[in-house]
Amino acid sequence: MLRLVNLKDGEFNVELAIATVEIEIESAKKEGLVALKVLHGYGSHGRGGTIAIELRKTLSLWKKQGFITNYFGGDRWNLFDKQSQKILMKDKDIFNDCDINSSNPGITIIEL
């Protein structure tokens, strides 16, 4: 199963968004999930929103610290990407995700 963390619904600032993702990662790990999908949008000007930019900076740090295994943008979330395939092989139910192969820059996939 690929759990969705929706940061588009509600009034999230950067700090609250990152704290929410951190809590969801901890919860998903306890449940044995292999990945999360974070819906953060892509900003109103098409250049990437503040939440997306800051979240990915934080994810880079968390990856270095070993808190997460990997992360990548939704533009790479497809059947031909090696990182996507790694997640899909761990949990075959994720093949049914509605965003796979959609090249959606408004999401980030986090491998736990």
PDB file of N, CA and C in Angstrom:
ATOM      1  N   MET A   1       0.840  -1.184   0.000  1.00  0.00           N
ATOM      2  CA  MET A   1       0.000   0.000   0.000  1.00  0.00           C
ATOM      3  C   MET A   1       0.884   1.246   0.000  1.00  0.00           C
ATOM      4  N   LEU A   2       0.475   2.225  -0.741  1.00  0.00           N
ATOM      5  CA  LEU A   2       1.182   3.504  -0.797  1.00  0.00           C
ATOM      6  C   LEU A   2       0.298   4.544  -0.114  1.00  0.00           C
ATOM      7  N   ARG A   3       0.701   4.949   1.073  1.00  0.00           N
ATOM      8  CA  ARG A   3      -0.097   5.933   1.821  1.00  0.00           C
ATOM      9  C   ARG A   3       0.125   7.326   1.251  1.00  0.00           C
ATOM     10  N   LEU A   4      -0.970   8.074   1.143  1.00  0.00           N
ATOM     11  CA  LEU A   4      -0.919   9.452   0.671  1.00  0.00           C
ATOM     12  C   LEU A   4      -0.882  10.397   1.860  1.00  0.00           C
ATOM     13  N   VAL A   5       0.052  11.324   1.834  1.00  0.00           N
ATOM     14  CA  VAL A   5       0.103  12.420   2.794  1.00  0.00           C
ATOM     15  C   VAL A   5      -0.266  13.669   2.003  1.00  0.00           C
ATOM     16  N   ASN A   6      -1.446  14.198   2.259  1.00  0.00           N
ATOM     17  CA  ASN A   6      -1.971  15.314   1.475  1.00  0.00           C
ATOM     18  C   ASN A   6      -1.701  16.638   2.181  1.00  0.00           C
ATOM     19  N   LEU A   7      -0.755  17.385   1.660  1.00  0.00           N
ATOM     20  CA  LEU A   7      -0.434  18.695   2.204  1.00  0.00           C
ATOM     21  C   LEU A   7      -1.175  19.807   1.475  1.00  0.00           C
ATOM     22  N   LYS A   8      -2.000  19.439   0.505  1.00  0.00           N
ATOM     23  CA  LYS A   8      -2.781  20.430  -0.242  1.00  0.00           C
ATOM     24  C   LYS A   8      -4.080  20.772   0.477  1.00  0.00           C
ATOM     25  N   ASP A   9      -4.610  19.837   1.253  1.00  0.00           N
ATOM     26  CA  ASP A   9      -5.830  20.084   2.008  1.00  0.00           C
ATOM     27  C   ASP A   9      -5.469  20.707   3.343  1.00  0.00           C
ATOM     28  N   GLY A  10      -5.928  21.887   3.591  1.00  0.00           N
ATOM     29  CA  GLY A  10      -5.635  22.534   4.861  1.00  0.00           C
ATOM     30  C   GLY A  10      -4.641  23.659   4.693  1.00  0.00           C
ATOM     31  N   GLU A  11      -4.339  24.271   5.795  1.00  0.00           N
ATOM     32  CA  GLU A  11      -3.442  25.425   5.811  1.00  0.00           C
ATOM     33  C   GLU A  11      -2.080  25.013   6.358  1.00  0.00           C
ATOM     34  N   PHE A  12      -1.242  24.482   5.505  1.00  0.00           N
ATOM     35  CA  PHE A  12       0.087  24.049   5.916  1.00  0.00           C
ATOM     36  C   PHE A  12       1.115  25.133   5.620  1.00  0.00           C
ATOM     37  N   ASN A  13       1.919  25.473   6.625  1.00  0.00           N
ATOM     38  CA  ASN A  13       3.118  26.247   6.349  1.00  0.00           C
ATOM     39  C   ASN A  13       4.258  25.232   6.251  1.00  0.00           C
ATOM     40  N   VAL A  14       5.456  25.686   5.959  1.00  0.00           N
ATOM     41  CA  VAL A  14       6.575  24.766   5.749  1.00  0.00           C
ATOM     42  C   VAL A  14       6.846  23.923   6.989  1.00  0.00           C
ATOM     43  N   GLU A  15       6.893  24.551   8.142  1.00  0.00           N
ATOM     44  CA  GLU A  15       7.224  23.835   9.373  1.00  0.00           C
ATOM     45  C   GLU A  15       6.199  22.759   9.694  1.00  0.00           C
ATOM     46  N   LEU A  16       4.922  23.099   9.584  1.00  0.00           N
ATOM     47  CA  LEU A  16       3.857  22.133   9.859  1.00  0.00           C
ATOM     48  C   LEU A  16       3.872  21.001   8.833  1.00  0.00           C
ATOM     49  N   ALA A  17       4.122  21.339   7.575  1.00  0.00           N
ATOM     50  CA  ALA A  17       4.176  20.317   6.522  1.00  0.00           C
ATOM     51  C   ALA A  17       5.287  19.312   6.791  1.00  0.00           C
ATOM     52  N   ILE A  18       6.469  19.795   7.138  1.00  0.00           N
ATOM     53  CA  ILE A  18       7.599  18.904   7.389  1.00  0.00           C
ATOM     54  C   ILE A  18       7.354  18.066   8.642  1.00  0.00           C
ATOM     55  N   ALA A  19       6.797  18.674   9.675  1.00  0.00           N
ATOM     56  CA  ALA A  19       6.485  17.921  10.895  1.00  0.00           C
ATOM     57  C   ALA A  19       5.451  16.837  10.609  1.00  0.00           C
ATOM     58  N   THR A  20       4.468  17.144   9.788  1.00  0.00           N
ATOM     59  CA  THR A  20       3.435  16.168   9.420  1.00  0.00           C
ATOM     60  C   THR A  20       4.051  15.000   8.668  1.00  0.00           C
ATOM     61  N   VAL A  21       4.928  15.287   7.719  1.00  0.00           N
ATOM     62  CA  VAL A  21       5.599  14.222   6.958  1.00  0.00           C
ATOM     63  C   VAL A  21       6.458  13.363   7.882  1.00  0.00           C
ATOM     64  N   GLU A  22       7.155  13.977   8.815  1.00  0.00           N
ATOM     65  CA  GLU A  22       7.978  13.224   9.753  1.00  0.00           C
ATOM     66  C   GLU A  22       7.127  12.255  10.579  1.00  0.00           C
ATOM     67  N   ILE A  23       6.009  12.728  11.070  1.00  0.00           N
ATOM     68  CA  ILE A  23       5.096  11.874  11.848  1.00  0.00           C
ATOM     69  C   ILE A  23       4.555  10.738  10.991  1.00  0.00           C
ATOM     70  N   GLU A  24       4.189  11.040   9.745  1.00  0.00           N
ATOM     71  CA  GLU A  24       3.668  10.015   8.835  1.00  0.00           C
ATOM     72  C   GLU A  24       4.736   8.972   8.497  1.00  0.00           C
ATOM     73  N   ILE A  25       5.982   9.395   8.360  1.00  0.00           N
ATOM     74  CA  ILE A  25       7.068   8.444   8.096  1.00  0.00           C
ATOM     75  C   ILE A  25       7.217   7.493   9.276  1.00  0.00           C
ATOM     76  N   GLU A  26       7.252   8.041  10.469  1.00  0.00           N
ATOM     77  CA  GLU A  26       7.390   7.203  11.670  1.00  0.00           C
ATOM     78  C   GLU A  26       6.232   6.217  11.780  1.00  0.00           C
ATOM     79  N   SER A  27       5.025   6.682  11.525  1.00  0.00           N
ATOM     80  CA  SER A  27       3.843   5.820  11.590  1.00  0.00           C
ATOM     81  C   SER A  27       3.898   4.730  10.517  1.00  0.00           C
ATOM     82  N   ALA A  28       4.260   5.104   9.303  1.00  0.00           N
ATOM     83  CA  ALA A  28       4.321   4.145   8.195  1.00  0.00           C
ATOM     84  C   ALA A  28       5.376   3.075   8.436  1.00  0.00           C
ATOM     85  N   LYS A  29       6.496   3.462   9.013  1.00  0.00           N
ATOM     86  CA  LYS A  29       7.541   2.487   9.335  1.00  0.00           C
ATOM     87  C   LYS A  29       7.023   1.463  10.346  1.00  0.00           C
ATOM     88  N   LYS A  30       6.314   1.932  11.365  1.00  0.00           N
ATOM     89  CA  LYS A  30       5.756   1.025  12.376  1.00  0.00           C
ATOM     90  C   LYS A  30       4.761   0.048  11.763  1.00  0.00           C
ATOM     91  N   GLU A  31       4.060   0.498  10.718  1.00  0.00           N
ATOM     92  CA  GLU A  31       3.071  -0.345  10.046  1.00  0.00           C
ATOM     93  C   GLU A  31       3.694  -1.242   8.986  1.00  0.00           C
ATOM     94  N   GLY A  32       4.977  -1.078   8.715  1.00  0.00           N
ATOM     95  CA  GLY A  32       5.655  -1.915   7.738  1.00  0.00           C
ATOM     96  C   GLY A  32       5.450  -1.494   6.293  1.00  0.00           C
ATOM     97  N   LEU A  33       5.045  -0.250   6.065  1.00  0.00           N
ATOM     98  CA  LEU A  33       4.877   0.228   4.691  1.00  0.00           C
ATOM     99  C   LEU A  33       6.246   0.462   4.059  1.00  0.00           C
ATOM    100  N   VAL A  34       6.306   0.403   2.740  1.00  0.00           N
ATOM    101  CA  VAL A  34       7.586   0.580   2.056  1.00  0.00           C
ATOM    102  C   VAL A  34       7.769   1.992   1.513  1.00  0.00           C
ATOM    103  N   ALA A  35       6.672   2.737   1.379  1.00  0.00           N
ATOM    104  CA  ALA A  35       6.786   4.071   0.783  1.00  0.00           C
ATOM    105  C   ALA A  35       5.590   4.941   1.149  1.00  0.00           C
ATOM    106  N   LEU A  36       5.794   6.243   0.991  1.00  0.00           N
ATOM    107  CA  LEU A  36       4.742   7.244   1.139  1.00  0.00           C
ATOM    108  C   LEU A  36       4.710   8.095  -0.125  1.00  0.00           C
ATOM    109  N   LYS A  37       3.553   8.626  -0.421  1.00  0.00           N
ATOM    110  CA  LYS A  37       3.417   9.602  -1.500  1.00  0.00           C
ATOM    111  C   LYS A  37       2.941  10.899  -0.860  1.00  0.00           C
ATOM    112  N   VAL A  38       3.708  11.967  -1.047  1.00  0.00           N
ATOM    113  CA  VAL A  38       3.351  13.260  -0.476  1.00  0.00           C
ATOM    114  C   VAL A  38       2.831  14.155  -1.596  1.00  0.00           C
ATOM    115  N   LEU A  39       1.613  14.624  -1.431  1.00  0.00           N
ATOM    116  CA  LEU A  39       1.013  15.575  -2.374  1.00  0.00           C
ATOM    117  C   LEU A  39       1.241  16.965  -1.818  1.00  0.00           C
ATOM    118  N   HIS A  40       2.106  17.731  -2.473  1.00  0.00           N
ATOM    119  CA  HIS A  40       2.436  19.074  -2.006  1.00  0.00           C
ATOM    120  C   HIS A  40       2.128  20.139  -3.035  1.00  0.00           C
ATOM    121  N   GLY A  41       1.787  19.750  -4.226  1.00  0.00           N
ATOM    122  CA  GLY A  41       1.541  20.723  -5.290  1.00  0.00           C
ATOM    123  C   GLY A  41       2.852  21.201  -5.878  1.00  0.00           C
ATOM    124  N   TYR A  42       2.719  22.036  -6.891  1.00  0.00           N
ATOM    125  CA  TYR A  42       3.904  22.500  -7.592  1.00  0.00           C
ATOM    126  C   TYR A  42       4.018  24.019  -7.608  1.00  0.00           C
ATOM    127  N   GLY A  43       3.259  24.669  -6.789  1.00  0.00           N
ATOM    128  CA  GLY A  43       3.346  26.124  -6.714  1.00  0.00           C
ATOM    129  C   GLY A  43       2.486  26.795  -7.757  1.00  0.00           C
ATOM    130  N   SER A  44       2.026  27.963  -7.444  1.00  0.00           N
ATOM    131  CA  SER A  44       1.096  28.679  -8.329  1.00  0.00           C
ATOM    132  C   SER A  44       1.775  29.263  -9.558  1.00  0.00           C
ATOM    133  N   HIS A  45       3.093  29.335  -9.572  1.00  0.00           N
ATOM    134  CA  HIS A  45       3.804  29.894 -10.721  1.00  0.00           C
ATOM    135  C   HIS A  45       4.505  28.830 -11.551  1.00  0.00           C
ATOM    136  N   GLY A  46       4.302  27.556 -11.212  1.00  0.00           N
ATOM    137  CA  GLY A  46       4.883  26.471 -11.988  1.00  0.00           C
ATOM    138  C   GLY A  46       6.371  26.265 -11.784  1.00  0.00           C
ATOM    139  N   ARG A  47       6.960  26.893 -10.765  1.00  0.00           N
ATOM    140  CA  ARG A  47       8.401  26.757 -10.522  1.00  0.00           C
ATOM    141  C   ARG A  47       8.694  25.916  -9.292  1.00  0.00           C
ATOM    142  N   GLY A  48       7.706  25.381  -8.673  1.00  0.00           N
ATOM    143  CA  GLY A  48       7.905  24.618  -7.452  1.00  0.00           C
ATOM    144  C   GLY A  48       7.551  25.466  -6.248  1.00  0.00           C
ATOM    145  N   GLY A  49       6.651  24.969  -5.424  1.00  0.00           N
ATOM    146  CA  GLY A  49       6.219  25.709  -4.253  1.00  0.00           C
ATOM    147  C   GLY A  49       7.233  25.623  -3.130  1.00  0.00           C
ATOM    148  N   THR A  50       7.103  26.515  -2.177  1.00  0.00           N
ATOM    149  CA  THR A  50       8.011  26.564  -1.039  1.00  0.00           C
ATOM    150  C   THR A  50       7.996  25.259  -0.257  1.00  0.00           C
ATOM    151  N   ILE A  51       6.813  24.690  -0.047  1.00  0.00           N
ATOM    152  CA  ILE A  51       6.740  23.434   0.698  1.00  0.00           C
ATOM    153  C   ILE A  51       7.497  22.335  -0.035  1.00  0.00           C
ATOM    154  N   ALA A  52       7.308  22.225  -1.333  1.00  0.00           N
ATOM    155  CA  ALA A  52       8.006  21.192  -2.108  1.00  0.00           C
ATOM    156  C   ALA A  52       9.516  21.365  -2.014  1.00  0.00           C
ATOM    157  N   ILE A  53       9.980  22.577  -2.157  1.00  0.00           N
ATOM    158  CA  ILE A  53      11.423  22.843  -2.131  1.00  0.00           C
ATOM    159  C   ILE A  53      12.012  22.520  -0.760  1.00  0.00           C
ATOM    160  N   GLU A  54      11.382  23.009   0.289  1.00  0.00           N
ATOM    161  CA  GLU A  54      11.897  22.792   1.641  1.00  0.00           C
ATOM    162  C   GLU A  54      11.758  21.331   2.075  1.00  0.00           C
ATOM    163  N   LEU A  55      10.665  20.692   1.660  1.00  0.00           N
ATOM    164  CA  LEU A  55      10.489  19.277   1.977  1.00  0.00           C
ATOM    165  C   LEU A  55      11.621  18.455   1.372  1.00  0.00           C
ATOM    166  N   ARG A  56      11.944  18.705   0.127  1.00  0.00           N
ATOM    167  CA  ARG A  56      13.003  17.926  -0.526  1.00  0.00           C
ATOM    168  C   ARG A  56      14.373  18.202   0.073  1.00  0.00           C
ATOM    169  N   LYS A  57      14.615  19.422   0.556  1.00  0.00           N
ATOM    170  CA  LYS A  57      15.859  19.691   1.281  1.00  0.00           C
ATOM    171  C   LYS A  57      15.919  18.854   2.557  1.00  0.00           C
ATOM    172  N   THR A  58      14.798  18.813   3.267  1.00  0.00           N
ATOM    173  CA  THR A  58      14.733  18.034   4.505  1.00  0.00           C
ATOM    174  C   THR A  58      14.879  16.546   4.212  1.00  0.00           C
ATOM    175  N   LEU A  59      14.245  16.067   3.147  1.00  0.00           N
ATOM    176  CA  LEU A  59      14.358  14.656   2.785  1.00  0.00           C
ATOM    177  C   LEU A  59      15.798  14.287   2.445  1.00  0.00           C
ATOM    178  N   SER A  60      16.525  15.196   1.823  1.00  0.00           N
ATOM    179  CA  SER A  60      17.938  14.952   1.525  1.00  0.00           C
ATOM    180  C   SER A  60      18.719  14.746   2.820  1.00  0.00           C
ATOM    181  N   LEU A  61      18.453  15.578   3.802  1.00  0.00           N
ATOM    182  CA  LEU A  61      19.106  15.438   5.107  1.00  0.00           C
ATOM    183  C   LEU A  61      18.708  14.129   5.774  1.00  0.00           C
ATOM    184  N   TRP A  62      17.417  13.806   5.757  1.00  0.00           N
ATOM    185  CA  TRP A  62      16.940  12.570   6.377  1.00  0.00           C
ATOM    186  C   TRP A  62      17.537  11.333   5.705  1.00  0.00           C
ATOM    187  N   LYS A  63      17.748  11.422   4.396  1.00  0.00           N
ATOM    188  CA  LYS A  63      18.375  10.301   3.690  1.00  0.00           C
ATOM    189  C   LYS A  63      19.818  10.123   4.176  1.00  0.00           C
ATOM    190  N   LYS A  64      20.548  11.211   4.300  1.00  0.00           N
ATOM    191  CA  LYS A  64      21.928  11.147   4.793  1.00  0.00           C
ATOM    192  C   LYS A  64      21.989  10.605   6.218  1.00  0.00           C
ATOM    193  N   GLN A  65      20.975  10.931   7.019  1.00  0.00           N
ATOM    194  CA  GLN A  65      20.925  10.476   8.411  1.00  0.00           C
ATOM    195  C   GLN A  65      20.405   9.041   8.549  1.00  0.00           C
ATOM    196  N   GLY A  66      19.875   8.487   7.458  1.00  0.00           N
ATOM    197  CA  GLY A  66      19.349   7.131   7.489  1.00  0.00           C
ATOM    198  C   GLY A  66      17.904   7.025   7.968  1.00  0.00           C
ATOM    199  N   PHE A  67      17.227   8.152   8.113  1.00  0.00           N
ATOM    200  CA  PHE A  67      15.826   8.149   8.542  1.00  0.00           C
ATOM    201  C   PHE A  67      14.919   7.609   7.435  1.00  0.00           C
ATOM    202  N   ILE A  68      15.263   7.893   6.178  1.00  0.00           N
ATOM    203  CA  ILE A  68      14.564   7.330   5.019  1.00  0.00           C
ATOM    204  C   ILE A  68      15.597   6.687   4.108  1.00  0.00           C
ATOM    205  N   THR A  69      15.125   5.818   3.216  1.00  0.00           N
ATOM    206  CA  THR A  69      16.031   5.155   2.275  1.00  0.00           C
ATOM    207  C   THR A  69      16.311   6.035   1.068  1.00  0.00           C
ATOM    208  N   ASN A  70      15.239   6.625   0.516  1.00  0.00           N
ATOM    209  CA  ASN A  70      15.384   7.431  -0.691  1.00  0.00           C
ATOM    210  C   ASN A  70      14.131   8.271  -0.885  1.00  0.00           C
ATOM    211  N   TYR A  71      14.196   9.193  -1.831  1.00  0.00           N
ATOM    212  CA  TYR A  71      13.036   9.988  -2.225  1.00  0.00           C
ATOM    213  C   TYR A  71      13.266  10.476  -3.650  1.00  0.00           C
ATOM    214  N   PHE A  72      12.189  10.794  -4.329  1.00  0.00           N
ATOM    215  CA  PHE A  72      12.297  11.362  -5.674  1.00  0.00           C
ATOM    216  C   PHE A  72      10.980  12.022  -6.055  1.00  0.00           C
ATOM    217  N   GLY A  73      11.063  12.911  -7.016  1.00  0.00           N
ATOM    218  CA  GLY A  73       9.891  13.640  -7.482  1.00  0.00           C
ATOM    219  C   GLY A  73       8.955  12.775  -8.318  1.00  0.00           C
ATOM    220  N   GLY A  74       7.720  13.184  -8.358  1.00  0.00           N
ATOM    221  CA  GLY A  74       6.704  12.449  -9.097  1.00  0.00           C
ATOM    222  C   GLY A  74       6.950  12.367 -10.588  1.00  0.00           C
ATOM    223  N   ASP A  75       7.812  13.235 -11.111  1.00  0.00           N
ATOM    224  CA  ASP A  75       8.159  13.156 -12.533  1.00  0.00           C
ATOM    225  C   ASP A  75       8.921  11.872 -12.839  1.00  0.00           C
ATOM    226  N   ARG A  76       9.488  11.230 -11.829  1.00  0.00           N
ATOM    227  CA  ARG A  76      10.208   9.956 -12.006  1.00  0.00           C
ATOM    228  C   ARG A  76       9.372   8.753 -11.583  1.00  0.00           C
ATOM    229  N   TRP A  77       8.175   8.960 -11.103  1.00  0.00           N
ATOM    230  CA  TRP A  77       7.327   7.882 -10.587  1.00  0.00           C
ATOM    231  C   TRP A  77       6.691   7.158 -11.772  1.00  0.00           C
ATOM    232  N   ASN A  78       7.429   6.189 -12.326  1.00  0.00           N
ATOM    233  CA  ASN A  78       6.927   5.449 -13.479  1.00  0.00           C
ATOM    234  C   ASN A  78       7.516   4.042 -13.511  1.00  0.00           C
ATOM    235  N   LEU A  79       6.946   3.217 -14.340  1.00  0.00           N
ATOM    236  CA  LEU A  79       7.321   1.806 -14.401  1.00  0.00           C
ATOM    237  C   LEU A  79       8.733   1.560 -14.932  1.00  0.00           C
ATOM    238  N   PHE A  80       9.339   2.566 -15.549  1.00  0.00           N
ATOM    239  CA  PHE A  80      10.649   2.388 -16.164  1.00  0.00           C
ATOM    240  C   PHE A  80      11.790   2.942 -15.328  1.00  0.00           C
ATOM    241  N   ASP A  81      11.490   3.641 -14.258  1.00  0.00           N
ATOM    242  CA  ASP A  81      12.505   4.223 -13.387  1.00  0.00           C
ATOM    243  C   ASP A  81      12.990   3.168 -12.387  1.00  0.00           C
ATOM    244  N   LYS A  82      14.283   3.052 -12.212  1.00  0.00           N
ATOM    245  CA  LYS A  82      14.849   2.011 -11.336  1.00  0.00           C
ATOM    246  C   LYS A  82      14.422   2.175  -9.878  1.00  0.00           C
ATOM    247  N   GLN A  83      14.376   3.406  -9.375  1.00  0.00           N
ATOM    248  CA  GLN A  83      13.954   3.619  -7.993  1.00  0.00           C
ATOM    249  C   GLN A  83      12.472   3.281  -7.815  1.00  0.00           C
ATOM    250  N   SER A  84      11.663   3.620  -8.805  1.00  0.00           N
ATOM    251  CA  SER A  84      10.239   3.269  -8.767  1.00  0.00           C
ATOM    252  C   SER A  84      10.077   1.754  -8.773  1.00  0.00           C
ATOM    253  N   GLN A  85      10.825   1.084  -9.636  1.00  0.00           N
ATOM    254  CA  GLN A  85      10.745  -0.374  -9.726  1.00  0.00           C
ATOM    255  C   GLN A  85      11.116  -1.038  -8.410  1.00  0.00           C
ATOM    256  N   LYS A  86      12.105  -0.481  -7.715  1.00  0.00           N
ATOM    257  CA  LYS A  86      12.535  -1.029  -6.429  1.00  0.00           C
ATOM    258  C   LYS A  86      11.376  -1.014  -5.426  1.00  0.00           C
ATOM    259  N   ILE A  87      10.650   0.084  -5.391  1.00  0.00           N
ATOM    260  CA  ILE A  87       9.490   0.194  -4.495  1.00  0.00           C
ATOM    261  C   ILE A  87       8.379  -0.744  -4.941  1.00  0.00           C
ATOM    262  N   LEU A  88       8.108  -0.769  -6.220  1.00  0.00           N
ATOM    263  CA  LEU A  88       7.026  -1.603  -6.755  1.00  0.00           C
ATOM    264  C   LEU A  88       7.280  -3.089  -6.513  1.00  0.00           C
ATOM    265  N   MET A  89       8.548  -3.501  -6.539  1.00  0.00           N
ATOM    266  CA  MET A  89       8.859  -4.911  -6.304  1.00  0.00           C
ATOM    267  C   MET A  89       8.660  -5.293  -4.831  1.00  0.00           C
ATOM    268  N   LYS A  90       8.781  -4.331  -3.941  1.00  0.00           N
ATOM    269  CA  LYS A  90       8.574  -4.587  -2.512  1.00  0.00           C
ATOM    270  C   LYS A  90       7.097  -4.717  -2.159  1.00  0.00           C
ATOM    271  N   ASP A  91       6.236  -4.039  -2.914  1.00  0.00           N
ATOM    272  CA  ASP A  91       4.803  -4.071  -2.629  1.00  0.00           C
ATOM    273  C   ASP A  91       4.041  -3.970  -3.946  1.00  0.00           C
ATOM    274  N   LYS A  92       3.585  -5.099  -4.435  1.00  0.00           N
ATOM    275  CA  LYS A  92       2.912  -5.171  -5.739  1.00  0.00           C
ATOM    276  C   LYS A  92       1.600  -4.378  -5.773  1.00  0.00           C
ATOM    277  N   ASP A  93       0.963  -4.142  -4.623  1.00  0.00           N
ATOM    278  CA  ASP A  93      -0.278  -3.365  -4.589  1.00  0.00           C
ATOM    279  C   ASP A  93      -0.067  -1.924  -5.046  1.00  0.00           C
ATOM    280  N   ILE A  94       1.158  -1.448  -4.964  1.00  0.00           N
ATOM    281  CA  ILE A  94       1.446  -0.064  -5.347  1.00  0.00           C
ATOM    282  C   ILE A  94       1.319   0.144  -6.856  1.00  0.00           C
ATOM    283  N   PHE A  95       1.354  -0.931  -7.642  1.00  0.00           N
ATOM    284  CA  PHE A  95       1.165  -0.814  -9.095  1.00  0.00           C
ATOM    285  C   PHE A  95      -0.145  -0.113  -9.439  1.00  0.00           C
ATOM    286  N   ASN A  96      -1.114  -0.151  -8.536  1.00  0.00           N
ATOM    287  CA  ASN A  96      -2.422   0.455  -8.778  1.00  0.00           C
ATOM    288  C   ASN A  96      -2.467   1.940  -8.452  1.00  0.00           C
ATOM    289  N   ASP A  97      -1.357   2.533  -8.064  1.00  0.00           N
ATOM    290  CA  ASP A  97      -1.356   3.954  -7.713  1.00  0.00           C
ATOM    291  C   ASP A  97      -1.781   4.811  -8.900  1.00  0.00           C
ATOM    292  N   CYS A  98      -2.663   5.754  -8.640  1.00  0.00           N
ATOM    293  CA  CYS A  98      -3.221   6.589  -9.717  1.00  0.00           C
ATOM    294  C   CYS A  98      -2.210   7.558 -10.324  1.00  0.00           C
ATOM    295  N   ASP A  99      -1.109   7.825  -9.651  1.00  0.00           N
ATOM    296  CA  ASP A  99      -0.131   8.788 -10.167  1.00  0.00           C
ATOM    297  C   ASP A  99       1.044   8.154 -10.896  1.00  0.00           C
ATOM    298  N   ILE A 100       1.119   6.824 -10.882  1.00  0.00           N
ATOM    299  CA  ILE A 100       2.252   6.201 -11.560  1.00  0.00           C
ATOM    300  C   ILE A 100       2.136   6.465 -13.064  1.00  0.00           C
ATOM    301  N   ASN A 101       3.233   6.810 -13.674  1.00  0.00           N
ATOM    302  CA  ASN A 101       3.327   7.146 -15.101  1.00  0.00           C
ATOM    303  C   ASN A 101       2.646   8.462 -15.469  1.00  0.00           C
ATOM    304  N   SER A 102       2.346   9.312 -14.490  1.00  0.00           N
ATOM    305  CA  SER A 102       1.663  10.571 -14.808  1.00  0.00           C
ATOM    306  C   SER A 102       2.610  11.776 -14.847  1.00  0.00           C
ATOM    307  N   SER A 103       3.875  11.576 -14.512  1.00  0.00           N
ATOM    308  CA  SER A 103       4.877  12.655 -14.512  1.00  0.00           C
ATOM    309  C   SER A 103       4.399  13.867 -13.711  1.00  0.00           C
ATOM    310  N   ASN A 104       3.925  13.621 -12.500  1.00  0.00           N
ATOM    311  CA  ASN A 104       3.340  14.670 -11.670  1.00  0.00           C
ATOM    312  C   ASN A 104       4.408  15.312 -10.777  1.00  0.00           C
ATOM    313  N   PRO A 105       4.848  16.533 -11.074  1.00  0.00           N
ATOM    314  CA  PRO A 105       5.858  17.186 -10.238  1.00  0.00           C
ATOM    315  C   PRO A 105       5.302  17.674  -8.907  1.00  0.00           C
ATOM    316  N   GLY A 106       4.015  17.567  -8.709  1.00  0.00           N
ATOM    317  CA  GLY A 106       3.386  18.006  -7.461  1.00  0.00           C
ATOM    318  C   GLY A 106       3.374  16.961  -6.369  1.00  0.00           C
ATOM    319  N   ILE A 107       4.062  15.842  -6.606  1.00  0.00           N
ATOM    320  CA  ILE A 107       4.171  14.809  -5.573  1.00  0.00           C
ATOM    321  C   ILE A 107       5.642  14.441  -5.369  1.00  0.00           C
ATOM    322  N   THR A 108       5.897  13.860  -4.218  1.00  0.00           N
ATOM    323  CA  THR A 108       7.208  13.297  -3.915  1.00  0.00           C
ATOM    324  C   THR A 108       6.973  11.903  -3.346  1.00  0.00           C
ATOM    325  N   ILE A 109       7.758  10.952  -3.810  1.00  0.00           N
ATOM    326  CA  ILE A 109       7.699   9.580  -3.317  1.00  0.00           C
ATOM    327  C   ILE A 109       8.845   9.401  -2.313  1.00  0.00           C
ATOM    328  N   ILE A 110       8.518   8.837  -1.167  1.00  0.00           N
ATOM    329  CA  ILE A 110       9.530   8.604  -0.129  1.00  0.00           C
ATOM    330  C   ILE A 110       9.617   7.102   0.114  1.00  0.00           C
ATOM    331  N   GLU A 111      10.797   6.544  -0.124  1.00  0.00           N
ATOM    332  CA  GLU A 111      11.042   5.142   0.179  1.00  0.00           C
ATOM    333  C   GLU A 111      11.515   5.035   1.625  1.00  0.00           C
ATOM    334  N   LEU A 112      10.839   4.203   2.392  1.00  0.00           N
ATOM    335  CA  LEU A 112      11.138   4.122   3.829  1.00  0.00           C
ATOM    336  C   LEU A 112      12.252   3.148   4.149  1.00  0.00           C
TER     337      LEU A 112
END
